[in-house]
Amino acid sequence: QRHRAQARNRADALARLLDLIRRAAQPPLKRRATKPPAASRERRIES
């Protein structure tokens, strides 16, 4: 209901639905396991 014209609101609603579906269509990225850097280990031990 952002716009005063019905046609623009229809286009806006459809665009929002398609955007939602496009975001859902992208598979989530797999998390790669990494080791903490040496500097962060040193900071942890020092604290």
ModelCIF file with pLDDT and N, C-alpha, C, O atoms, coordinates in Angstrom:
data_MODEL
#
_entry.id   MODEL 
#
_entity.id                         1 
_entity.type                       polymer 
_entity.pdbx_number_of_molecules   1 
#
_entity_poly.entity_id                      1 
_entity_poly.type                           'polypeptide(L)' 
_entity_poly.nstd_linkage                   no 
_entity_poly.nstd_monomer                   no 
_entity_poly.pdbx_seq_one_letter_code       QRHRAQARNRADALARLLDLIRRAAQPPLKRRATKPPAASRERRIES 
_entity_poly.pdbx_seq_one_letter_code_can   QRHRAQARNRADALARLLDLIRRAAQPPLKRRATKPPAASRERRIES 
_entity_poly.pdbx_strand_id                 A 
#
loop_
_entity_poly_seq.entity_id 
_entity_poly_seq.num 
_entity_poly_seq.mon_id 
_entity_poly_seq.hetero 
1 1  GLN n 
1 2  ARG n 
1 3  HIS n 
1 4  ARG n 
1 5  ALA n 
1 6  GLN n 
1 7  ALA n 
1 8  ARG n 
1 9  ASN n 
1 10 ARG n 
1 11 ALA n 
1 12 ASP n 
1 13 ALA n 
1 14 LEU n 
1 15 ALA n 
1 16 ARG n 
1 17 LEU n 
1 18 LEU n 
1 19 ASP n 
1 20 LEU n 
1 21 ILE n 
1 22 ARG n 
1 23 ARG n 
1 24 ALA n 
1 25 ALA n 
1 26 GLN n 
1 27 PRO n 
1 28 PRO n 
1 29 LEU n 
1 30 LYS n 
1 31 ARG n 
1 32 ARG n 
1 33 ALA n 
1 34 THR n 
1 35 LYS n 
1 36 PRO n 
1 37 PRO n 
1 38 ALA n 
1 39 ALA n 
1 40 SER n 
1 41 ARG n 
1 42 GLU n 
1 43 ARG n 
1 44 ARG n 
1 45 ILE n 
1 46 GLU n 
1 47 SER n 
#
_struct_asym.id          A 
_struct_asym.entity_id   1 
#
loop_
_ma_qa_metric.id 
_ma_qa_metric.mode 
_ma_qa_metric.name 
_ma_qa_metric.software_group_id 
_ma_qa_metric.type 
1 global pLDDT . pLDDT 
2 local  pLDDT . pLDDT 
#
_ma_qa_metric_global.metric_id      1 
_ma_qa_metric_global.metric_value   88.40 
_ma_qa_metric_global.model_id       1 
_ma_qa_metric_global.ordinal_id     1 
#
loop_
_ma_qa_metric_local.label_asym_id 
_ma_qa_metric_local.label_comp_id 
_ma_qa_metric_local.label_seq_id 
_ma_qa_metric_local.metric_id 
_ma_qa_metric_local.metric_value 
_ma_qa_metric_local.model_id 
_ma_qa_metric_local.ordinal_id 
A GLN 1  2 82.00 1 1  
A ARG 2  2 81.00 1 2  
A HIS 3  2 79.00 1 3  
A ARG 4  2 77.00 1 4  
A ALA 5  2 78.00 1 5  
A GLN 6  2 79.00 1 6  
A ALA 7  2 85.00 1 7  
A ARG 8  2 87.00 1 8  
A ASN 9  2 86.00 1 9  
A ARG 10 2 86.00 1 10 
A ALA 11 2 89.00 1 11 
A ASP 12 2 89.00 1 12 
A ALA 13 2 88.00 1 13 
A LEU 14 2 87.00 1 14 
A ALA 15 2 89.00 1 15 
A ARG 16 2 88.00 1 16 
A LEU 17 2 86.00 1 17 
A LEU 18 2 86.00 1 18 
A ASP 19 2 88.00 1 19 
A LEU 20 2 87.00 1 20 
A ILE 21 2 85.00 1 21 
A ARG 22 2 86.00 1 22 
A ARG 23 2 86.00 1 23 
A ALA 24 2 84.00 1 24 
A ALA 25 2 83.00 1 25 
A GLN 26 2 84.00 1 26 
A PRO 27 2 86.00 1 27 
A PRO 28 2 86.00 1 28 
A LEU 29 2 89.00 1 29 
A LYS 30 2 90.00 1 30 
A ARG 31 2 89.00 1 31 
A ARG 32 2 91.00 1 32 
A ALA 33 2 91.00 1 33 
A THR 34 2 92.00 1 34 
A LYS 35 2 93.00 1 35 
A PRO 36 2 92.00 1 36 
A PRO 37 2 94.00 1 37 
A ALA 38 2 95.00 1 38 
A ALA 39 2 96.00 1 39 
A SER 40 2 95.00 1 40 
A ARG 41 2 95.00 1 41 
A GLU 42 2 96.00 1 42 
A ARG 43 2 96.00 1 43 
A ARG 44 2 96.00 1 44 
A ILE 45 2 96.00 1 45 
A GLU 46 2 96.00 1 46 
A SER 47 2 96.00 1 47 
#
loop_
_atom_site.group_PDB 
_atom_site.id 
_atom_site.type_symbol 
_atom_site.label_atom_id 
_atom_site.label_alt_id 
_atom_site.label_comp_id 
_atom_site.label_asym_id 
_atom_site.label_entity_id 
_atom_site.label_seq_id 
_atom_site.pdbx_PDB_ins_code 
_atom_site.Cartn_x 
_atom_site.Cartn_y 
_atom_site.Cartn_z 
_atom_site.occupancy 
_atom_site.B_iso_or_equiv 
_atom_site.pdbx_formal_charge 
_atom_site.auth_seq_id 
_atom_site.auth_comp_id 
_atom_site.auth_asym_id 
_atom_site.auth_atom_id 
_atom_site.pdbx_PDB_model_num 
ATOM 1   N N  . GLN A 1 1  ? 0.831  -1.208  0.000   1.00 82.00 ? 1  GLN A N  1 
ATOM 2   C CA . GLN A 1 1  ? 0.000  0.000   0.000   1.00 82.00 ? 1  GLN A CA 1 
ATOM 3   C C  . GLN A 1 1  ? 0.863  1.255   0.000   1.00 82.00 ? 1  GLN A C  1 
ATOM 4   O O  . GLN A 1 1  ? 0.443  2.308   0.481   1.00 82.00 ? 1  GLN A O  1 
ATOM 5   N N  . ARG A 1 2  ? 2.077  1.138   -0.544  1.00 81.00 ? 2  ARG A N  1 
ATOM 6   C CA . ARG A 1 2  ? 3.000  2.276   -0.578  1.00 81.00 ? 2  ARG A CA 1 
ATOM 7   C C  . ARG A 1 2  ? 2.530  3.364   -1.538  1.00 81.00 ? 2  ARG A C  1 
ATOM 8   O O  . ARG A 1 2  ? 2.735  4.554   -1.300  1.00 81.00 ? 2  ARG A O  1 
ATOM 9   N N  . HIS A 1 3  ? 1.904  2.937   -2.612  1.00 79.00 ? 3  HIS A N  1 
ATOM 10  C CA . HIS A 1 3  ? 1.532  3.875   -3.680  1.00 79.00 ? 3  HIS A CA 1 
ATOM 11  C C  . HIS A 1 3  ? 0.034  4.173   -3.650  1.00 79.00 ? 3  HIS A C  1 
ATOM 12  O O  . HIS A 1 3  ? -0.752 3.420   -3.074  1.00 79.00 ? 3  HIS A O  1 
ATOM 13  N N  . ARG A 1 4  ? -0.338 5.266   -4.268  1.00 77.00 ? 4  ARG A N  1 
ATOM 14  C CA . ARG A 1 4  ? -1.761 5.635   -4.303  1.00 77.00 ? 4  ARG A CA 1 
ATOM 15  C C  . ARG A 1 4  ? -2.496 4.957   -5.450  1.00 77.00 ? 4  ARG A C  1 
ATOM 16  O O  . ARG A 1 4  ? -3.727 4.929   -5.472  1.00 77.00 ? 4  ARG A O  1 
ATOM 17  N N  . ALA A 1 5  ? -1.738 4.404   -6.415  1.00 78.00 ? 5  ALA A N  1 
ATOM 18  C CA . ALA A 1 5  ? -2.357 3.740   -7.566  1.00 78.00 ? 5  ALA A CA 1 
ATOM 19  C C  . ALA A 1 5  ? -2.366 2.225   -7.354  1.00 78.00 ? 5  ALA A C  1 
ATOM 20  O O  . ALA A 1 5  ? -1.377 1.641   -6.911  1.00 78.00 ? 5  ALA A O  1 
ATOM 21  N N  . GLN A 1 6  ? -3.491 1.610   -7.674  1.00 79.00 ? 6  GLN A N  1 
ATOM 22  C CA . GLN A 1 6  ? -3.641 0.171   -7.492  1.00 79.00 ? 6  GLN A CA 1 
ATOM 23  C C  . GLN A 1 6  ? -2.640 -0.611  -8.347  1.00 79.00 ? 6  GLN A C  1 
ATOM 24  O O  . GLN A 1 6  ? -2.081 -1.609  -7.892  1.00 79.00 ? 6  GLN A O  1 
ATOM 25  N N  . ALA A 1 7  ? -2.415 -0.166  -9.570  1.00 85.00 ? 7  ALA A N  1 
ATOM 26  C CA . ALA A 1 7  ? -1.505 -0.870  -10.480 1.00 85.00 ? 7  ALA A CA 1 
ATOM 27  C C  . ALA A 1 7  ? -0.079 -0.883  -9.938  1.00 85.00 ? 7  ALA A C  1 
ATOM 28  O O  . ALA A 1 7  ? 0.620  -1.893  -10.033 1.00 85.00 ? 7  ALA A O  1 
ATOM 29  N N  . ARG A 1 8  ? 0.347  0.240   -9.370  1.00 87.00 ? 8  ARG A N  1 
ATOM 30  C CA . ARG A 1 8  ? 1.707  0.297   -8.814  1.00 87.00 ? 8  ARG A CA 1 
ATOM 31  C C  . ARG A 1 8  ? 1.825  -0.588  -7.574  1.00 87.00 ? 8  ARG A C  1 
ATOM 32  O O  . ARG A 1 8  ? 2.869  -1.200  -7.349  1.00 87.00 ? 8  ARG A O  1 
ATOM 33  N N  . ASN A 1 9  ? 0.766  -0.660  -6.773  1.00 86.00 ? 9  ASN A N  1 
ATOM 34  C CA . ASN A 1 9  ? 0.779  -1.543  -5.607  1.00 86.00 ? 9  ASN A CA 1 
ATOM 35  C C  . ASN A 1 9  ? 0.811  -3.008  -6.029  1.00 86.00 ? 9  ASN A C  1 
ATOM 36  O O  . ASN A 1 9  ? 1.466  -3.822  -5.378  1.00 86.00 ? 9  ASN A O  1 
ATOM 37  N N  . ARG A 1 10 ? 0.113  -3.353  -7.109  1.00 86.00 ? 10 ARG A N  1 
ATOM 38  C CA . ARG A 1 10 ? 0.132  -4.729  -7.619  1.00 86.00 ? 10 ARG A CA 1 
ATOM 39  C C  . ARG A 1 10 ? 1.540  -5.104  -8.053  1.00 86.00 ? 10 ARG A C  1 
ATOM 40  O O  . ARG A 1 10 ? 2.038  -6.180  -7.721  1.00 86.00 ? 10 ARG A O  1 
ATOM 41  N N  . ALA A 1 11 ? 2.180  -4.204  -8.800  1.00 89.00 ? 11 ALA A N  1 
ATOM 42  C CA . ALA A 1 11 ? 3.539  -4.462  -9.276  1.00 89.00 ? 11 ALA A CA 1 
ATOM 43  C C  . ALA A 1 11 ? 4.513  -4.571  -8.103  1.00 89.00 ? 11 ALA A C  1 
ATOM 44  O O  . ALA A 1 11 ? 5.423  -5.401  -8.113  1.00 89.00 ? 11 ALA A O  1 
ATOM 45  N N  . ASP A 1 12 ? 4.310  -3.717  -7.087  1.00 89.00 ? 12 ASP A N  1 
ATOM 46  C CA . ASP A 1 12 ? 5.176  -3.725  -5.907  1.00 89.00 ? 12 ASP A CA 1 
ATOM 47  C C  . ASP A 1 12 ? 5.038  -5.045  -5.149  1.00 89.00 ? 12 ASP A C  1 
ATOM 48  O O  . ASP A 1 12 ? 6.044  -5.634  -4.754  1.00 89.00 ? 12 ASP A O  1 
ATOM 49  N N  . ALA A 1 13 ? 3.820  -5.513  -4.943  1.00 88.00 ? 13 ALA A N  1 
ATOM 50  C CA . ALA A 1 13 ? 3.591  -6.766  -4.216  1.00 88.00 ? 13 ALA A CA 1 
ATOM 51  C C  . ALA A 1 13 ? 4.196  -7.950  -4.965  1.00 88.00 ? 13 ALA A C  1 
ATOM 52  O O  . ALA A 1 13 ? 4.817  -8.820  -4.354  1.00 88.00 ? 13 ALA A O  1 
ATOM 53  N N  . LEU A 1 14 ? 4.015  -7.986  -6.283  1.00 87.00 ? 14 LEU A N  1 
ATOM 54  C CA . LEU A 1 14 ? 4.564  -9.079  -7.084  1.00 87.00 ? 14 LEU A CA 1 
ATOM 55  C C  . LEU A 1 14 ? 6.088  -9.047  -7.053  1.00 87.00 ? 14 LEU A C  1 
ATOM 56  O O  . LEU A 1 14 ? 6.729  -10.093 -6.948  1.00 87.00 ? 14 LEU A O  1 
ATOM 57  N N  . ALA A 1 15 ? 6.669  -7.859  -7.143  1.00 89.00 ? 15 ALA A N  1 
ATOM 58  C CA . ALA A 1 15 ? 8.131  -7.727  -7.110  1.00 89.00 ? 15 ALA A CA 1 
ATOM 59  C C  . ALA A 1 15 ? 8.680  -8.210  -5.770  1.00 89.00 ? 15 ALA A C  1 
ATOM 60  O O  . ALA A 1 15 ? 9.730  -8.850  -5.727  1.00 89.00 ? 15 ALA A O  1 
ATOM 61  N N  . ARG A 1 16 ? 7.980  -7.909  -4.677  1.00 88.00 ? 16 ARG A N  1 
ATOM 62  C CA . ARG A 1 16 ? 8.428  -8.355  -3.352  1.00 88.00 ? 16 ARG A CA 1 
ATOM 63  C C  . ARG A 1 16 ? 8.347  -9.871  -3.221  1.00 88.00 ? 16 ARG A C  1 
ATOM 64  O O  . ARG A 1 16 ? 9.227  -10.486 -2.619  1.00 88.00 ? 16 ARG A O  1 
ATOM 65  N N  . LEU A 1 17 ? 7.293  -10.484 -3.781  1.00 86.00 ? 17 LEU A N  1 
ATOM 66  C CA . LEU A 1 17 ? 7.178  -11.943 -3.755  1.00 86.00 ? 17 LEU A CA 1 
ATOM 67  C C  . LEU A 1 17 ? 8.303  -12.582 -4.572  1.00 86.00 ? 17 LEU A C  1 
ATOM 68  O O  . LEU A 1 17 ? 8.935  -13.534 -4.115  1.00 86.00 ? 17 LEU A O  1 
ATOM 69  N N  . LEU A 1 18 ? 8.552  -12.070 -5.762  1.00 86.00 ? 18 LEU A N  1 
ATOM 70  C CA . LEU A 1 18 ? 9.596  -12.638 -6.617  1.00 86.00 ? 18 LEU A CA 1 
ATOM 71  C C  . LEU A 1 18 ? 10.966 -12.484 -5.980  1.00 86.00 ? 18 LEU A C  1 
ATOM 72  O O  . LEU A 1 18 ? 11.804 -13.378 -6.088  1.00 86.00 ? 18 LEU A O  1 
ATOM 73  N N  . ASP A 1 19 ? 11.204 -11.348 -5.309  1.00 88.00 ? 19 ASP A N  1 
ATOM 74  C CA . ASP A 1 19 ? 12.474 -11.143 -4.621  1.00 88.00 ? 19 ASP A CA 1 
ATOM 75  C C  . ASP A 1 19 ? 12.648 -12.165 -3.501  1.00 88.00 ? 19 ASP A C  1 
ATOM 76  O O  . ASP A 1 19 ? 13.739 -12.701 -3.306  1.00 88.00 ? 19 ASP A O  1 
ATOM 77  N N  . LEU A 1 20 ? 11.577 -12.429 -2.774  1.00 87.00 ? 20 LEU A N  1 
ATOM 78  C CA . LEU A 1 20 ? 11.604 -13.411 -1.692  1.00 87.00 ? 20 LEU A CA 1 
ATOM 79  C C  . LEU A 1 20 ? 11.926 -14.798 -2.242  1.00 87.00 ? 20 LEU A C  1 
ATOM 80  O O  . LEU A 1 20 ? 12.728 -15.526 -1.656  1.00 87.00 ? 20 LEU A O  1 
ATOM 81  N N  . ILE A 1 21 ? 11.314 -15.165 -3.351  1.00 85.00 ? 21 ILE A N  1 
ATOM 82  C CA . ILE A 1 21 ? 11.550 -16.478 -3.961  1.00 85.00 ? 21 ILE A CA 1 
ATOM 83  C C  . ILE A 1 21 ? 12.977 -16.568 -4.500  1.00 85.00 ? 21 ILE A C  1 
ATOM 84  O O  . ILE A 1 21 ? 13.622 -17.609 -4.371  1.00 85.00 ? 21 ILE A O  1 
ATOM 85  N N  . ARG A 1 22 ? 13.474 -15.484 -5.103  1.00 86.00 ? 22 ARG A N  1 
ATOM 86  C CA . ARG A 1 22 ? 14.860 -15.485 -5.611  1.00 86.00 ? 22 ARG A CA 1 
ATOM 87  C C  . ARG A 1 22 ? 15.859 -15.678 -4.480  1.00 86.00 ? 22 ARG A C  1 
ATOM 88  O O  . ARG A 1 22 ? 16.839 -16.409 -4.628  1.00 86.00 ? 22 ARG A O  1 
ATOM 89  N N  . ARG A 1 23 ? 15.610 -15.020 -3.344  1.00 86.00 ? 23 ARG A N  1 
ATOM 90  C CA . ARG A 1 23 ? 16.514 -15.192 -2.196  1.00 86.00 ? 23 ARG A CA 1 
ATOM 91  C C  . ARG A 1 23 ? 16.449 -16.626 -1.674  1.00 86.00 ? 23 ARG A C  1 
ATOM 92  O O  . ARG A 1 23 ? 17.467 -17.174 -1.249  1.00 86.00 ? 23 ARG A O  1 
ATOM 93  N N  . ALA A 1 24 ? 15.262 -17.241 -1.701  1.00 84.00 ? 24 ALA A N  1 
ATOM 94  C CA . ALA A 1 24 ? 15.116 -18.625 -1.238  1.00 84.00 ? 24 ALA A CA 1 
ATOM 95  C C  . ALA A 1 24 ? 15.747 -19.608 -2.220  1.00 84.00 ? 24 ALA A C  1 
ATOM 96  O O  . ALA A 1 24 ? 16.156 -20.700 -1.827  1.00 84.00 ? 24 ALA A O  1 
ATOM 97  N N  . ALA A 1 25 ? 15.826 -19.228 -3.487  1.00 83.00 ? 25 ALA A N  1 
ATOM 98  C CA . ALA A 1 25 ? 16.375 -20.123 -4.508  1.00 83.00 ? 25 ALA A CA 1 
ATOM 99  C C  . ALA A 1 25 ? 17.890 -20.248 -4.408  1.00 83.00 ? 25 ALA A C  1 
ATOM 100 O O  . ALA A 1 25 ? 18.463 -21.205 -4.929  1.00 83.00 ? 25 ALA A O  1 
ATOM 101 N N  . GLN A 1 26 ? 18.544 -19.304 -3.749  1.00 84.00 ? 26 GLN A N  1 
ATOM 102 C CA . GLN A 1 26 ? 19.998 -19.377 -3.601  1.00 84.00 ? 26 GLN A CA 1 
ATOM 103 C C  . GLN A 1 26 ? 20.331 -20.328 -2.457  1.00 84.00 ? 26 GLN A C  1 
ATOM 104 O O  . GLN A 1 26 ? 19.949 -20.072 -1.315  1.00 84.00 ? 26 GLN A O  1 
ATOM 105 N N  . PRO A 1 27 ? 21.032 -21.412 -2.742  1.00 86.00 ? 27 PRO A N  1 
ATOM 106 C CA . PRO A 1 27 ? 21.364 -22.355 -1.669  1.00 86.00 ? 27 PRO A CA 1 
ATOM 107 C C  . PRO A 1 27 ? 22.334 -21.708 -0.686  1.00 86.00 ? 27 PRO A C  1 
ATOM 108 O O  . PRO A 1 27 ? 23.184 -20.914 -1.090  1.00 86.00 ? 27 PRO A O  1 
ATOM 109 N N  . PRO A 1 28 ? 22.219 -22.036 0.599   1.00 86.00 ? 28 PRO A N  1 
ATOM 110 C CA . PRO A 1 28 ? 23.131 -21.440 1.577   1.00 86.00 ? 28 PRO A CA 1 
ATOM 111 C C  . PRO A 1 28 ? 24.556 -21.930 1.350   1.00 86.00 ? 28 PRO A C  1 
ATOM 112 O O  . PRO A 1 28 ? 24.773 -23.066 0.926   1.00 86.00 ? 28 PRO A O  1 
ATOM 113 N N  . LEU A 1 29 ? 25.516 -21.068 1.635   1.00 89.00 ? 29 LEU A N  1 
ATOM 114 C CA . LEU A 1 29 ? 26.918 -21.434 1.468   1.00 89.00 ? 29 LEU A CA 1 
ATOM 115 C C  . LEU A 1 29 ? 27.337 -22.384 2.589   1.00 89.00 ? 29 LEU A C  1 
ATOM 116 O O  . LEU A 1 29 ? 26.951 -22.213 3.745   1.00 89.00 ? 29 LEU A O  1 
ATOM 117 N N  . LYS A 1 30 ? 28.127 -23.380 2.225   1.00 90.00 ? 30 LYS A N  1 
ATOM 118 C CA . LYS A 1 30 ? 28.630 -24.318 3.216   1.00 90.00 ? 30 LYS A CA 1 
ATOM 119 C C  . LYS A 1 30 ? 29.703 -23.616 4.051   1.00 90.00 ? 30 LYS A C  1 
ATOM 120 O O  . LYS A 1 30 ? 30.526 -22.867 3.526   1.00 90.00 ? 30 LYS A O  1 
ATOM 121 N N  . ARG A 1 31 ? 29.676 -23.872 5.342   1.00 89.00 ? 31 ARG A N  1 
ATOM 122 C CA . ARG A 1 31 ? 30.673 -23.270 6.223   1.00 89.00 ? 31 ARG A CA 1 
ATOM 123 C C  . ARG A 1 31 ? 31.952 -24.084 6.146   1.00 89.00 ? 31 ARG A C  1 
ATOM 124 O O  . ARG A 1 31 ? 31.942 -25.308 6.278   1.00 89.00 ? 31 ARG A O  1 
ATOM 125 N N  . ARG A 1 32 ? 33.064 -23.372 5.927   1.00 91.00 ? 32 ARG A N  1 
ATOM 126 C CA . ARG A 1 32 ? 34.359 -24.036 5.887   1.00 91.00 ? 32 ARG A CA 1 
ATOM 127 C C  . ARG A 1 32 ? 35.010 -23.923 7.255   1.00 91.00 ? 32 ARG A C  1 
ATOM 128 O O  . ARG A 1 32 ? 35.150 -22.822 7.787   1.00 91.00 ? 32 ARG A O  1 
ATOM 129 N N  . ALA A 1 33 ? 35.399 -25.028 7.815   1.00 91.00 ? 33 ALA A N  1 
ATOM 130 C CA . ALA A 1 33 ? 36.039 -25.008 9.122   1.00 91.00 ? 33 ALA A CA 1 
ATOM 131 C C  . ALA A 1 33 ? 37.428 -24.404 8.995   1.00 91.00 ? 33 ALA A C  1 
ATOM 132 O O  . ALA A 1 33 ? 38.200 -24.786 8.116   1.00 91.00 ? 33 ALA A O  1 
ATOM 133 N N  . THR A 1 34 ? 37.745 -23.459 9.875   1.00 92.00 ? 34 THR A N  1 
ATOM 134 C CA . THR A 1 34 ? 39.062 -22.834 9.867   1.00 92.00 ? 34 THR A CA 1 
ATOM 135 C C  . THR A 1 34 ? 39.629 -22.852 11.281  1.00 92.00 ? 34 THR A C  1 
ATOM 136 O O  . THR A 1 34 ? 38.896 -22.972 12.263  1.00 92.00 ? 34 THR A O  1 
ATOM 137 N N  . LYS A 1 35 ? 40.951 -22.731 11.360  1.00 93.00 ? 35 LYS A N  1 
ATOM 138 C CA . LYS A 1 35 ? 41.608 -22.668 12.665  1.00 93.00 ? 35 LYS A CA 1 
ATOM 139 C C  . LYS A 1 35 ? 41.734 -21.207 13.064  1.00 93.00 ? 35 LYS A C  1 
ATOM 140 O O  . LYS A 1 35 ? 41.876 -20.340 12.202  1.00 93.00 ? 35 LYS A O  1 
ATOM 141 N N  . PRO A 1 36 ? 41.683 -20.922 14.373  1.00 92.00 ? 36 PRO A N  1 
ATOM 142 C CA . PRO A 1 36 ? 41.881 -19.536 14.787  1.00 92.00 ? 36 PRO A CA 1 
ATOM 143 C C  . PRO A 1 36 ? 43.326 -19.118 14.526  1.00 92.00 ? 36 PRO A C  1 
ATOM 144 O O  . PRO A 1 36 ? 44.238 -19.930 14.686  1.00 92.00 ? 36 PRO A O  1 
ATOM 145 N N  . PRO A 1 37 ? 43.548 -17.869 14.126  1.00 94.00 ? 37 PRO A N  1 
ATOM 146 C CA . PRO A 1 37 ? 44.914 -17.405 13.857  1.00 94.00 ? 37 PRO A CA 1 
ATOM 147 C C  . PRO A 1 37 ? 45.766 -17.405 15.130  1.00 94.00 ? 37 PRO A C  1 
ATOM 148 O O  . PRO A 1 37 ? 45.245 -17.341 16.243  1.00 94.00 ? 37 PRO A O  1 
ATOM 149 N N  . ALA A 1 38 ? 47.058 -17.477 14.943  1.00 95.00 ? 38 ALA A N  1 
ATOM 150 C CA . ALA A 1 38 ? 47.987 -17.521 16.075  1.00 95.00 ? 38 ALA A CA 1 
ATOM 151 C C  . ALA A 1 38 ? 47.862 -16.268 16.936  1.00 95.00 ? 38 ALA A C  1 
ATOM 152 O O  . ALA A 1 38 ? 47.947 -16.349 18.162  1.00 95.00 ? 38 ALA A O  1 
ATOM 153 N N  . ALA A 1 39 ? 47.662 -15.123 16.315  1.00 96.00 ? 39 ALA A N  1 
ATOM 154 C CA . ALA A 1 39 ? 47.565 -13.861 17.064  1.00 96.00 ? 39 ALA A CA 1 
ATOM 155 C C  . ALA A 1 39 ? 46.355 -13.868 17.990  1.00 96.00 ? 39 ALA A C  1 
ATOM 156 O O  . ALA A 1 39 ? 46.441 -13.380 19.117  1.00 96.00 ? 39 ALA A O  1 
ATOM 157 N N  . SER A 1 40 ? 45.233 -14.411 17.534  1.00 95.00 ? 40 SER A N  1 
ATOM 158 C CA . SER A 1 40 ? 44.047 -14.435 18.393  1.00 95.00 ? 40 SER A CA 1 
ATOM 159 C C  . SER A 1 40 ? 44.223 -15.431 19.536  1.00 95.00 ? 40 SER A C  1 
ATOM 160 O O  . SER A 1 40 ? 43.720 -15.208 20.638  1.00 95.00 ? 40 SER A O  1 
ATOM 161 N N  . ARG A 1 41 ? 44.935 -16.529 19.278  1.00 95.00 ? 41 ARG A N  1 
ATOM 162 C CA . ARG A 1 41 ? 45.234 -17.483 20.366  1.00 95.00 ? 41 ARG A CA 1 
ATOM 163 C C  . ARG A 1 41 ? 46.111 -16.826 21.422  1.00 95.00 ? 41 ARG A C  1 
ATOM 164 O O  . ARG A 1 41 ? 45.892 -16.996 22.622  1.00 95.00 ? 41 ARG A O  1 
ATOM 165 N N  . GLU A 1 42 ? 47.112 -16.070 20.961  1.00 96.00 ? 42 GLU A N  1 
ATOM 166 C CA . GLU A 1 42 ? 47.997 -15.373 21.899  1.00 96.00 ? 42 GLU A CA 1 
ATOM 167 C C  . GLU A 1 42 ? 47.220 -14.354 22.734  1.00 96.00 ? 42 GLU A C  1 
ATOM 168 O O  . GLU A 1 42 ? 47.420 -14.259 23.945  1.00 96.00 ? 42 GLU A O  1 
ATOM 169 N N  . ARG A 1 43 ? 46.329 -13.589 22.082  1.00 96.00 ? 43 ARG A N  1 
ATOM 170 C CA . ARG A 1 43 ? 45.529 -12.600 22.808  1.00 96.00 ? 43 ARG A CA 1 
ATOM 171 C C  . ARG A 1 43 ? 44.650 -13.271 23.856  1.00 96.00 ? 43 ARG A C  1 
ATOM 172 O O  . ARG A 1 43 ? 44.483 -12.748 24.958  1.00 96.00 ? 43 ARG A O  1 
ATOM 173 N N  . ARG A 1 44 ? 44.090 -14.425 23.514  1.00 96.00 ? 44 ARG A N  1 
ATOM 174 C CA . ARG A 1 44 ? 43.244 -15.159 24.444  1.00 96.00 ? 44 ARG A CA 1 
ATOM 175 C C  . ARG A 1 44 ? 44.045 -15.617 25.650  1.00 96.00 ? 44 ARG A C  1 
ATOM 176 O O  . ARG A 1 44 ? 43.608 -15.433 26.786  1.00 96.00 ? 44 ARG A O  1 
ATOM 177 N N  . ILE A 1 45 ? 45.198 -16.205 25.426  1.00 96.00 ? 45 ILE A N  1 
ATOM 178 C CA . ILE A 1 45 ? 46.046 -16.685 26.527  1.00 96.00 ? 45 ILE A CA 1 
ATOM 179 C C  . ILE A 1 45 ? 46.501 -15.509 27.378  1.00 96.00 ? 45 ILE A C  1 
ATOM 180 O O  . ILE A 1 45 ? 46.516 -15.605 28.605  1.00 96.00 ? 45 ILE A O  1 
ATOM 181 N N  . GLU A 1 46 ? 46.875 -14.396 26.744  1.00 96.00 ? 46 GLU A N  1 
ATOM 182 C CA . GLU A 1 46 ? 47.332 -13.216 27.481  1.00 96.00 ? 46 GLU A CA 1 
ATOM 183 C C  . GLU A 1 46 ? 46.221 -12.648 28.366  1.00 96.00 ? 46 GLU A C  1 
ATOM 184 O O  . GLU A 1 46 ? 46.476 -12.244 29.501  1.00 96.00 ? 46 GLU A O  1 
ATOM 185 N N  . SER A 1 47 ? 44.968 -12.617 27.842  1.00 96.00 ? 47 SER A N  1 
ATOM 186 C CA . SER A 1 47 ? 43.859 -12.097 28.643  1.00 96.00 ? 47 SER A CA 1 
ATOM 187 C C  . SER A 1 47 ? 43.556 -13.039 29.819  1.00 96.00 ? 47 SER A C  1 
ATOM 188 O O  . SER A 1 47 ? 42.651 -12.769 30.609  1.00 96.00 ? 47 SER A O  1 
#
